[in-house]
Amino acid sequence: MAYQARAVVARERGAPVSVETVHVPDPGPGEAVVRIQACGVCHTDLHYREGAITDGFPFLLGHEAAGTVEAVGEGVSDVGPGDYVVLAWRAPCGQCRSCRRGRPWYCFDSDADEVVVIDAAHHAGPILDAVGERRVMAIVCTHGHNDHINAAVDLAEATGAPIALHPHDRMLWDLVHPHRGPDQTLADGAVVEVAGATLSVLHTPGHSPGGVCLYLDEHRVLFSGDTLFEGGPGATGRSFSDFPTIIASIRDRLLVLPPETLVHTGHGDSTTIGAEAPHLDDWIRRGS
């Protein structure tokens, strides 16, 4: 028999979600129907709602759940009706580094086996865990401050991936890695291609002379480094920083992007262009 459930549904990018009745079919081969007893949300749900993962709307939100198995399909033998289960956001592959280490909740297997690492901070080990078996195509540095590049060389040695940095931040890079330079130059208007996606390089000086942001136009996602944060521009109180310059970068390069653009910042919570744009004059009056 088919089932009905109340669910939180996102039907359009950035639009308010709705609570609707959805119909759940009988389980097919390898599937199970679970009556949810507890459910949470996380940033992945936000990313789906903002269209940052795929444009395949509508989405059913709240993938972190637990409940009781109601029915199982053909070939399911490890769980049965009445069993209490915790659901992963996707079916673990059983083959990647995380699955083999007994941590299937960190499964990163997907159809795309290419990744780009943006800002290899602190230590290479956790980054390698997240990458799993995928191929690192590039290690892109949004700028040359130590807390964004400390692990870049170790990660490059472990993966063979090239390191890319804007040349105006080379003096900052050399303070951290004096014996090993970047492999590639980031320039305004350049592109970084990975897994069929194209990241555009936006030169946004101010926090540092060679600061850049990466924009994924297809999904309206910006990786802003330390140029833009939730609540204002990046700090400009250190060497080679300049407040008027970062304001110009944000005003002329970032706030012209679509307001629904999801901004992943270099520290702290994500935001959107639409949420930050109204506050530009307040930032200017506040100063550095």
C-alpha atoms as a PDB file:
ATOM      1  CA  MET A   1       0.000   0.000   0.000  1.00  0.00           C
ATOM      2  CA  ALA A   2       1.080   3.615  -0.528  1.00  0.00           C
ATOM      3  CA  TYR A   3       1.781   5.939   2.372  1.00  0.00           C
ATOM      4  CA  GLN A   4       1.147   9.607   3.110  1.00  0.00           C
ATOM      5  CA  ALA A   5       3.315  11.958   5.161  1.00  0.00           C
ATOM      6  CA  ARG A   6       3.584  15.622   6.038  1.00  0.00           C
ATOM      7  CA  ALA A   7       6.794  17.075   4.713  1.00  0.00           C
ATOM      8  CA  VAL A   8       8.727  20.333   4.340  1.00  0.00           C
ATOM      9  CA  VAL A   9       9.071  21.071   0.626  1.00  0.00           C
ATOM     10  CA  ALA A  10      11.220  23.631  -1.222  1.00  0.00           C
ATOM     11  CA  ARG A  11       9.714  24.286  -4.643  1.00  0.00           C
ATOM     12  CA  GLU A  12      11.805  27.210  -5.938  1.00  0.00           C
ATOM     13  CA  ARG A  13      15.255  28.657  -5.345  1.00  0.00           C
ATOM     14  CA  GLY A  14      15.212  30.898  -2.281  1.00  0.00           C
ATOM     15  CA  ALA A  15      11.419  30.806  -1.934  1.00  0.00           C
ATOM     16  CA  PRO A  16       9.672  30.135   1.396  1.00  0.00           C
ATOM     17  CA  VAL A  17       9.257  26.437   2.106  1.00  0.00           C
ATOM     18  CA  SER A  18       5.855  24.855   2.672  1.00  0.00           C
ATOM     19  CA  VAL A  19       4.486  21.951   4.720  1.00  0.00           C
ATOM     20  CA  GLU A  20       2.615  19.609   2.389  1.00  0.00           C
ATOM     21  CA  THR A  21       1.143  16.134   2.233  1.00  0.00           C
ATOM     22  CA  VAL A  22       3.309  13.896   0.076  1.00  0.00           C
ATOM     23  CA  HIS A  23       2.592  10.398  -1.198  1.00  0.00           C
ATOM     24  CA  VAL A  24       5.179   7.689  -0.562  1.00  0.00           C
ATOM     25  CA  PRO A  25       4.984   4.610  -2.796  1.00  0.00           C
ATOM     26  CA  ASP A  26       5.574   1.061  -1.684  1.00  0.00           C
ATOM     27  CA  PRO A  27       9.288   0.295  -1.355  1.00  0.00           C
ATOM     28  CA  GLY A  28      10.989  -1.009  -4.468  1.00  0.00           C
ATOM     29  CA  PRO A  29      13.934  -3.431  -4.631  1.00  0.00           C
ATOM     30  CA  GLY A  30      16.624  -2.431  -2.114  1.00  0.00           C
ATOM     31  CA  GLU A  31      14.383   0.236  -0.545  1.00  0.00           C
ATOM     32  CA  ALA A  32      12.668   0.700   2.806  1.00  0.00           C
ATOM     33  CA  VAL A  33       9.860   2.925   4.060  1.00  0.00           C
ATOM     34  CA  VAL A  34      10.645   4.516   7.435  1.00  0.00           C
ATOM     35  CA  ARG A  35       8.144   6.264   9.715  1.00  0.00           C
ATOM     36  CA  ILE A  36      10.106   9.319  10.882  1.00  0.00           C
ATOM     37  CA  GLN A  37      10.073   9.997  14.613  1.00  0.00           C
ATOM     38  CA  ALA A  38      12.753  12.713  14.767  1.00  0.00           C
ATOM     39  CA  CYS A  39      14.210  14.936  12.080  1.00  0.00           C
ATOM     40  CA  GLY A  40      16.733  17.764  11.921  1.00  0.00           C
ATOM     41  CA  VAL A  41      18.015  20.231   9.367  1.00  0.00           C
ATOM     42  CA  CYS A  42      21.528  21.435   8.561  1.00  0.00           C
ATOM     43  CA  HIS A  43      23.380  23.625   6.078  1.00  0.00           C
ATOM     44  CA  THR A  44      22.879  21.029   3.351  1.00  0.00           C
ATOM     45  CA  ASP A  45      19.130  21.710   3.510  1.00  0.00           C
ATOM     46  CA  LEU A  46      19.844  25.441   3.174  1.00  0.00           C
ATOM     47  CA  HIS A  47      22.055  24.760   0.170  1.00  0.00           C
ATOM     48  CA  TYR A  48      19.333  22.697  -1.488  1.00  0.00           C
ATOM     49  CA  ARG A  49      16.755  25.431  -0.836  1.00  0.00           C
ATOM     50  CA  GLU A  50      19.080  28.053  -2.336  1.00  0.00           C
ATOM     51  CA  GLY A  51      19.754  25.873  -5.391  1.00  0.00           C
ATOM     52  CA  ALA A  52      23.441  25.630  -4.523  1.00  0.00           C
ATOM     53  CA  ILE A  53      23.654  21.861  -5.055  1.00  0.00           C
ATOM     54  CA  THR A  54      21.318  21.310  -7.998  1.00  0.00           C
ATOM     55  CA  ASP A  55      18.374  23.005  -9.671  1.00  0.00           C
ATOM     56  CA  GLY A  56      16.238  19.851  -9.613  1.00  0.00           C
ATOM     57  CA  PHE A  57      13.355  21.327  -7.605  1.00  0.00           C
ATOM     58  CA  PRO A  58      11.216  20.412  -5.701  1.00  0.00           C
ATOM     59  CA  PHE A  59      13.225  19.108  -2.743  1.00  0.00           C
ATOM     60  CA  LEU A  60      12.080  17.346   0.400  1.00  0.00           C
ATOM     61  CA  LEU A  61      14.075  18.916   3.255  1.00  0.00           C
ATOM     62  CA  GLY A  62      15.162  17.433   6.564  1.00  0.00           C
ATOM     63  CA  HIS A  63      17.384  14.549   5.511  1.00  0.00           C
ATOM     64  CA  GLU A  64      18.890  13.938   8.968  1.00  0.00           C
ATOM     65  CA  ALA A  65      16.238  11.680  10.467  1.00  0.00           C
ATOM     66  CA  ALA A  66      15.539   8.605  12.565  1.00  0.00           C
ATOM     67  CA  GLY A  67      12.515   6.370  12.836  1.00  0.00           C
ATOM     68  CA  THR A  68      11.000   2.907  12.569  1.00  0.00           C
ATOM     69  CA  VAL A  69      10.972   0.722   9.471  1.00  0.00           C
ATOM     70  CA  GLU A  70       7.416   0.242   8.171  1.00  0.00           C
ATOM     71  CA  ALA A  71       8.091  -1.966   5.143  1.00  0.00           C
ATOM     72  CA  VAL A  72      11.003  -3.212   3.039  1.00  0.00           C
ATOM     73  CA  GLY A  73      11.371  -4.020  -0.625  1.00  0.00           C
ATOM     74  CA  GLU A  74      12.773  -7.049  -2.374  1.00  0.00           C
ATOM     75  CA  GLY A  75      16.351  -7.915  -1.470  1.00  0.00           C
ATOM     76  CA  VAL A  76      16.458  -6.001   1.837  1.00  0.00           C
ATOM     77  CA  SER A  77      17.644  -8.367   4.540  1.00  0.00           C
ATOM     78  CA  ASP A  78      19.647  -6.289   7.047  1.00  0.00           C
ATOM     79  CA  VAL A  79      16.628  -4.395   8.426  1.00  0.00           C
ATOM     80  CA  GLY A  80      12.969  -5.273   8.810  1.00  0.00           C
ATOM     81  CA  PRO A  81       9.637  -3.814   9.927  1.00  0.00           C
ATOM     82  CA  GLY A  82       9.844  -2.530  13.490  1.00  0.00           C
ATOM     83  CA  ASP A  83      13.588  -1.875  13.442  1.00  0.00           C
ATOM     84  CA  TYR A  84      14.708   1.556  14.633  1.00  0.00           C
ATOM     85  CA  VAL A  85      17.117   3.153  12.140  1.00  0.00           C
ATOM     86  CA  VAL A  86      19.063   6.378  11.659  1.00  0.00           C
ATOM     87  CA  LEU A  87      19.034   7.680   8.090  1.00  0.00           C
ATOM     88  CA  ALA A  88      22.052   9.020   6.197  1.00  0.00           C
ATOM     89  CA  TRP A  89      21.610  11.859   3.696  1.00  0.00           C
ATOM     90  CA  ARG A  90      22.591   9.477   0.905  1.00  0.00           C
ATOM     91  CA  ALA A  91      23.214   5.752   0.574  1.00  0.00           C
ATOM     92  CA  PRO A  92      26.836   5.034   1.656  1.00  0.00           C
ATOM     93  CA  CYS A  93      28.929   3.637  -1.179  1.00  0.00           C
ATOM     94  CA  GLY A  94      30.896   1.204   0.994  1.00  0.00           C
ATOM     95  CA  GLN A  95      34.058   1.859  -1.030  1.00  0.00           C
ATOM     96  CA  CYS A  96      35.371   5.363  -0.285  1.00  0.00           C
ATOM     97  CA  ARG A  97      37.942   6.216   2.400  1.00  0.00           C
ATOM     98  CA  SER A  98      35.289   7.141   4.989  1.00  0.00           C
ATOM     99  CA  CYS A  99      33.199   4.001   4.427  1.00  0.00           C
ATOM    100  CA  ARG A 100      36.269   1.766   4.669  1.00  0.00           C
ATOM    101  CA  ARG A 101      37.177   3.436   7.967  1.00  0.00           C
ATOM    102  CA  GLY A 102      33.772   2.626   9.413  1.00  0.00           C
ATOM    103  CA  ARG A 103      32.402   6.166   9.110  1.00  0.00           C
ATOM    104  CA  PRO A 104      29.727   5.831   6.396  1.00  0.00           C
ATOM    105  CA  TRP A 105      27.987   9.002   7.584  1.00  0.00           C
ATOM    106  CA  TYR A 106      30.925  10.867   5.967  1.00  0.00           C
ATOM    107  CA  CYS A 107      30.545   9.050   2.643  1.00  0.00           C
ATOM    108  CA  PHE A 108      31.640  11.353  -0.175  1.00  0.00           C
ATOM    109  CA  ASP A 109      31.282   9.026  -3.157  1.00  0.00           C
ATOM    110  CA  SER A 110      29.402  10.581  -6.070  1.00  0.00           C
ATOM    111  CA  ASP A 111      29.225  10.607  -9.837  1.00  0.00           C
ATOM    112  CA  ALA A 112      31.807  13.393  -9.864  1.00  0.00           C
ATOM    113  CA  ASP A 113      35.252  12.193  -8.806  1.00  0.00           C
ATOM    114  CA  GLU A 114      36.912  15.603  -9.167  1.00  0.00           C
ATOM    115  CA  VAL A 115      37.156  18.296  -6.502  1.00  0.00           C
ATOM    116  CA  VAL A 116      38.824  21.655  -5.959  1.00  0.00           C
ATOM    117  CA  VAL A 117      40.081  22.578  -2.506  1.00  0.00           C
ATOM    118  CA  ILE A 118      39.516  26.252  -1.692  1.00  0.00           C
ATOM    119  CA  ASP A 119      41.868  27.534   1.036  1.00  0.00           C
ATOM    120  CA  ALA A 120      43.843  24.618   2.471  1.00  0.00           C
ATOM    121  CA  ALA A 121      43.868  25.845   6.049  1.00  0.00           C
ATOM    122  CA  HIS A 122      45.656  24.488   9.123  1.00  0.00           C
ATOM    123  CA  HIS A 123      46.208  20.744   8.542  1.00  0.00           C
ATOM    124  CA  ALA A 124      46.061  18.499   5.484  1.00  0.00           C
ATOM    125  CA  GLY A 125      44.690  15.410   7.258  1.00  0.00           C
ATOM    126  CA  PRO A 126      41.048  16.487   7.691  1.00  0.00           C
ATOM    127  CA  ILE A 127      40.999  17.811   4.138  1.00  0.00           C
ATOM    128  CA  LEU A 128      42.228  14.478   2.795  1.00  0.00           C
ATOM    129  CA  ASP A 129      39.544  12.717   4.831  1.00  0.00           C
ATOM    130  CA  ALA A 130      36.882  14.895   3.225  1.00  0.00           C
ATOM    131  CA  VAL A 131      38.305  14.398  -0.265  1.00  0.00           C
ATOM    132  CA  GLY A 132      38.290  10.629   0.104  1.00  0.00           C
ATOM    133  CA  GLU A 133      39.116   8.836  -3.125  1.00  0.00           C
ATOM    134  CA  ARG A 134      38.350  11.773  -5.383  1.00  0.00           C
ATOM    135  CA  ARG A 135      40.933  13.564  -7.463  1.00  0.00           C
ATOM    136  CA  VAL A 136      41.980  17.042  -6.331  1.00  0.00           C
ATOM    137  CA  MET A 137      42.208  19.140  -9.498  1.00  0.00           C
ATOM    138  CA  ALA A 138      43.605  22.270  -7.840  1.00  0.00           C
ATOM    139  CA  ILE A 139      44.279  23.899  -4.486  1.00  0.00           C
ATOM    140  CA  VAL A 140      42.947  27.436  -4.897  1.00  0.00           C
ATOM    141  CA  CYS A 141      43.982  30.139  -2.425  1.00  0.00           C
ATOM    142  CA  THR A 142      41.601  33.067  -2.049  1.00  0.00           C
ATOM    143  CA  HIS A 143      44.535  35.005  -0.547  1.00  0.00           C
ATOM    144  CA  GLY A 144      47.921  34.481   1.038  1.00  0.00           C
ATOM    145  CA  HIS A 145      47.319  34.797   4.766  1.00  0.00           C
ATOM    146  CA  ASN A 146      48.672  31.917   6.797  1.00  0.00           C
ATOM    147  CA  ASP A 147      45.306  30.688   8.093  1.00  0.00           C
ATOM    148  CA  HIS A 148      44.234  30.025   4.501  1.00  0.00           C
ATOM    149  CA  ILE A 149      47.406  28.424   3.109  1.00  0.00           C
ATOM    150  CA  ASN A 150      49.129  26.567   5.983  1.00  0.00           C
ATOM    151  CA  ALA A 151      48.234  23.110   4.622  1.00  0.00           C
ATOM    152  CA  ALA A 152      48.542  23.934   0.923  1.00  0.00           C
ATOM    153  CA  VAL A 153      52.017  22.508   0.383  1.00  0.00           C
ATOM    154  CA  ASP A 154      51.389  19.310   2.364  1.00  0.00           C
ATOM    155  CA  LEU A 155      48.128  18.811   0.505  1.00  0.00           C
ATOM    156  CA  ALA A 156      49.816  19.356  -2.855  1.00  0.00           C
ATOM    157  CA  GLU A 157      52.472  16.809  -1.986  1.00  0.00           C
ATOM    158  CA  ALA A 158      49.843  14.280  -0.922  1.00  0.00           C
ATOM    159  CA  THR A 159      47.619  14.696  -3.983  1.00  0.00           C
ATOM    160  CA  GLY A 160      49.836  16.046  -6.765  1.00  0.00           C
ATOM    161  CA  ALA A 161      47.427  18.940  -7.286  1.00  0.00           C
ATOM    162  CA  PRO A 162      48.741  22.368  -8.336  1.00  0.00           C
ATOM    163  CA  ILE A 163      48.483  25.376  -6.015  1.00  0.00           C
ATOM    164  CA  ALA A 164      46.971  28.548  -7.486  1.00  0.00           C
ATOM    165  CA  LEU A 165      47.388  32.054  -6.019  1.00  0.00           C
ATOM    166  CA  HIS A 166      47.025  35.623  -7.268  1.00  0.00           C
ATOM    167  CA  PRO A 167      50.557  37.013  -7.794  1.00  0.00           C
ATOM    168  CA  HIS A 168      49.851  40.167  -5.757  1.00  0.00           C
ATOM    169  CA  ASP A 169      49.822  37.993  -2.627  1.00  0.00           C
ATOM    170  CA  ARG A 170      53.113  36.269  -3.312  1.00  0.00           C
ATOM    171  CA  MET A 171      54.882  38.236  -0.542  1.00  0.00           C
ATOM    172  CA  LEU A 172      52.339  36.864   1.980  1.00  0.00           C
ATOM    173  CA  TRP A 173      52.787  33.347   0.658  1.00  0.00           C
ATOM    174  CA  ASP A 174      56.571  33.570   1.012  1.00  0.00           C
ATOM    175  CA  LEU A 175      56.251  34.378   4.720  1.00  0.00           C
ATOM    176  CA  VAL A 176      54.643  30.956   5.249  1.00  0.00           C
ATOM    177  CA  HIS A 177      56.243  28.854   2.499  1.00  0.00           C
ATOM    178  CA  PRO A 178      59.565  30.522   1.599  1.00  0.00           C
ATOM    179  CA  HIS A 179      60.997  27.439  -0.114  1.00  0.00           C
ATOM    180  CA  ARG A 180      58.078  26.450  -2.323  1.00  0.00           C
ATOM    181  CA  GLY A 181      56.067  28.739  -4.566  1.00  0.00           C
ATOM    182  CA  PRO A 182      52.578  28.351  -6.062  1.00  0.00           C
ATOM    183  CA  ASP A 183      52.262  26.443  -9.325  1.00  0.00           C
ATOM    184  CA  GLN A 184      49.634  28.539 -11.074  1.00  0.00           C
ATOM    185  CA  THR A 185      48.629  32.190 -11.238  1.00  0.00           C
ATOM    186  CA  LEU A 186      45.084  33.298 -10.532  1.00  0.00           C
ATOM    187  CA  ALA A 187      43.994  36.291 -12.605  1.00  0.00           C
ATOM    188  CA  ASP A 188      40.761  38.236 -12.776  1.00  0.00           C
ATOM    189  CA  GLY A 189      38.469  36.613 -15.332  1.00  0.00           C
ATOM    190  CA  ALA A 190      40.248  33.255 -15.259  1.00  0.00           C
ATOM    191  CA  VAL A 191      38.240  30.093 -14.704  1.00  0.00           C
ATOM    192  CA  VAL A 192      38.750  26.965 -12.626  1.00  0.00           C
ATOM    193  CA  GLU A 193      37.012  23.907 -14.063  1.00  0.00           C
ATOM    194  CA  VAL A 194      36.089  20.873 -11.995  1.00  0.00           C
ATOM    195  CA  ALA A 195      33.558  18.045 -12.409  1.00  0.00           C
ATOM    196  CA  GLY A 196      31.791  19.844 -15.238  1.00  0.00           C
ATOM    197  CA  ALA A 197      31.433  23.075 -13.250  1.00  0.00           C
ATOM    198  CA  THR A 198      33.173  26.386 -13.921  1.00  0.00           C
ATOM    199  CA  LEU A 199      34.336  28.725 -11.161  1.00  0.00           C
ATOM    200  CA  SER A 200      35.070  32.278 -12.292  1.00  0.00           C
ATOM    201  CA  VAL A 201      37.890  34.179 -10.582  1.00  0.00           C
ATOM    202  CA  LEU A 202      36.994  37.675  -9.332  1.00  0.00           C
ATOM    203  CA  HIS A 203      39.941  39.792  -8.181  1.00  0.00           C
ATOM    204  CA  THR A 204      38.713  41.529  -5.005  1.00  0.00           C
ATOM    205  CA  PRO A 205      41.655  43.305  -3.330  1.00  0.00           C
ATOM    206  CA  GLY A 206      41.345  45.057   0.013  1.00  0.00           C
ATOM    207  CA  HIS A 207      41.808  42.426   2.696  1.00  0.00           C
ATOM    208  CA  SER A 208      44.999  41.653   0.794  1.00  0.00           C
ATOM    209  CA  PRO A 209      46.292  42.907  -2.576  1.00  0.00           C
ATOM    210  CA  GLY A 210      45.757  39.562  -4.276  1.00  0.00           C
ATOM    211  CA  GLY A 211      42.481  38.554  -2.680  1.00  0.00           C
ATOM    212  CA  VAL A 212      40.052  36.740  -4.978  1.00  0.00           C
ATOM    213  CA  CYS A 213      36.556  35.304  -4.838  1.00  0.00           C
ATOM    214  CA  LEU A 214      35.287  32.325  -6.822  1.00  0.00           C
ATOM    215  CA  TYR A 215      31.845  32.475  -8.414  1.00  0.00           C
ATOM    216  CA  LEU A 216      29.818  29.482  -9.586  1.00  0.00           C
ATOM    217  CA  ASP A 217      27.296  31.214 -11.836  1.00  0.00           C
ATOM    218  CA  GLU A 218      25.330  28.077 -12.706  1.00  0.00           C
ATOM    219  CA  HIS A 219      24.279  27.620  -9.091  1.00  0.00           C
ATOM    220  CA  ARG A 220      24.579  31.225  -7.856  1.00  0.00           C
ATOM    221  CA  VAL A 221      27.256  30.405  -5.269  1.00  0.00           C
ATOM    222  CA  LEU A 222      30.176  32.619  -4.248  1.00  0.00           C
ATOM    223  CA  PHE A 223      33.241  31.601  -2.241  1.00  0.00           C
ATOM    224  CA  SER A 224      34.262  34.946  -0.806  1.00  0.00           C
ATOM    225  CA  GLY A 225      37.420  34.163   1.142  1.00  0.00           C
ATOM    226  CA  ASP A 226      38.004  37.038   3.553  1.00  0.00           C
ATOM    227  CA  THR A 227      36.499  39.721   1.306  1.00  0.00           C
ATOM    228  CA  LEU A 228      32.866  39.497   2.440  1.00  0.00           C
ATOM    229  CA  PHE A 229      31.358  38.046   5.594  1.00  0.00           C
ATOM    230  CA  GLU A 230      27.954  37.869   7.174  1.00  0.00           C
ATOM    231  CA  GLY A 231      27.704  41.423   8.525  1.00  0.00           C
ATOM    232  CA  GLY A 232      30.385  43.215   6.593  1.00  0.00           C
ATOM    233  CA  PRO A 233      33.728  43.322   4.822  1.00  0.00           C
ATOM    234  CA  GLY A 234      36.851  41.485   5.857  1.00  0.00           C
ATOM    235  CA  ALA A 235      39.366  43.045   8.225  1.00  0.00           C
ATOM    236  CA  THR A 236      41.660  45.760   6.877  1.00  0.00           C
ATOM    237  CA  GLY A 237      43.819  46.455   9.920  1.00  0.00           C
ATOM    238  CA  ARG A 238      46.819  44.374   8.902  1.00  0.00           C
ATOM    239  CA  SER A 239      49.720  44.909   6.509  1.00  0.00           C
ATOM    240  CA  PHE A 240      48.813  45.355   2.831  1.00  0.00           C
ATOM    241  CA  SER A 241      45.094  45.796   3.692  1.00  0.00           C
ATOM    242  CA  ASP A 242      43.037  48.828   2.685  1.00  0.00           C
ATOM    243  CA  PHE A 243      39.469  49.701   3.664  1.00  0.00           C
ATOM    244  CA  PRO A 244      38.473  51.875   0.667  1.00  0.00           C
ATOM    245  CA  THR A 245      39.803  49.172  -1.639  1.00  0.00           C
ATOM    246  CA  ILE A 246      37.798  46.356  -0.061  1.00  0.00           C
ATOM    247  CA  ILE A 247      34.667  48.518  -0.117  1.00  0.00           C
ATOM    248  CA  ALA A 248      35.184  49.134  -3.832  1.00  0.00           C
ATOM    249  CA  SER A 249      35.715  45.416  -4.444  1.00  0.00           C
ATOM    250  CA  ILE A 250      32.527  44.475  -2.614  1.00  0.00           C
ATOM    251  CA  ARG A 251      30.455  47.246  -4.218  1.00  0.00           C
ATOM    252  CA  ASP A 252      31.694  46.802  -7.782  1.00  0.00           C
ATOM    253  CA  ARG A 253      32.380  43.065  -7.994  1.00  0.00           C
ATOM    254  CA  LEU A 254      30.145  41.279  -5.457  1.00  0.00           C
ATOM    255  CA  LEU A 255      26.998  43.287  -4.761  1.00  0.00           C
ATOM    256  CA  VAL A 256      26.250  43.308  -8.501  1.00  0.00           C
ATOM    257  CA  LEU A 257      25.713  39.537  -8.368  1.00  0.00           C
ATOM    258  CA  PRO A 258      22.136  38.200  -8.122  1.00  0.00           C
ATOM    259  CA  PRO A 259      20.705  38.808  -4.639  1.00  0.00           C
ATOM    260  CA  GLU A 260      19.948  35.114  -4.142  1.00  0.00           C
ATOM    261  CA  THR A 261      23.649  34.265  -4.533  1.00  0.00           C
ATOM    262  CA  LEU A 262      24.728  32.077  -1.609  1.00  0.00           C
ATOM    263  CA  VAL A 263      27.994  33.329  -0.103  1.00  0.00           C
ATOM    264  CA  HIS A 264      30.331  30.853   1.589  1.00  0.00           C
ATOM    265  CA  THR A 265      32.692  32.996   3.620  1.00  0.00           C
ATOM    266  CA  GLY A 266      36.241  32.325   4.745  1.00  0.00           C
ATOM    267  CA  HIS A 267      35.155  32.221   8.401  1.00  0.00           C
ATOM    268  CA  GLY A 268      31.798  31.884  10.113  1.00  0.00           C
ATOM    269  CA  ASP A 269      28.317  31.473   8.702  1.00  0.00           C
ATOM    270  CA  SER A 270      27.239  31.680   5.091  1.00  0.00           C
ATOM    271  CA  THR A 271      25.062  34.545   3.886  1.00  0.00           C
ATOM    272  CA  THR A 272      23.588  35.880   0.637  1.00  0.00           C
ATOM    273  CA  ILE A 273      24.306  38.893  -1.508  1.00  0.00           C
ATOM    274  CA  GLY A 274      20.749  40.108  -0.932  1.00  0.00           C
ATOM    275  CA  ALA A 275      21.181  39.971   2.832  1.00  0.00           C
ATOM    276  CA  GLU A 276      24.383  42.037   2.791  1.00  0.00           C
ATOM    277  CA  ALA A 277      23.774  44.590   0.025  1.00  0.00           C
ATOM    278  CA  PRO A 278      21.474  46.925   2.019  1.00  0.00           C
ATOM    279  CA  HIS A 279      24.205  47.517   4.608  1.00  0.00           C
ATOM    280  CA  LEU A 280      26.954  48.920   2.371  1.00  0.00           C
ATOM    281  CA  ASP A 281      26.458  52.534   3.525  1.00  0.00           C
ATOM    282  CA  ASP A 282      26.486  51.421   7.162  1.00  0.00           C
ATOM    283  CA  TRP A 283      29.841  49.709   6.615  1.00  0.00           C
ATOM    284  CA  ILE A 284      31.282  52.823   5.015  1.00  0.00           C
ATOM    285  CA  ARG A 285      30.131  55.019   7.918  1.00  0.00           C
ATOM    286  CA  ARG A 286      31.479  52.509  10.408  1.00  0.00           C
ATOM    287  CA  GLY A 287      34.871  52.452   8.706  1.00  0.00           C
ATOM    288  CA  SER A 288      37.603  49.869   9.040  1.00  0.00           C
END
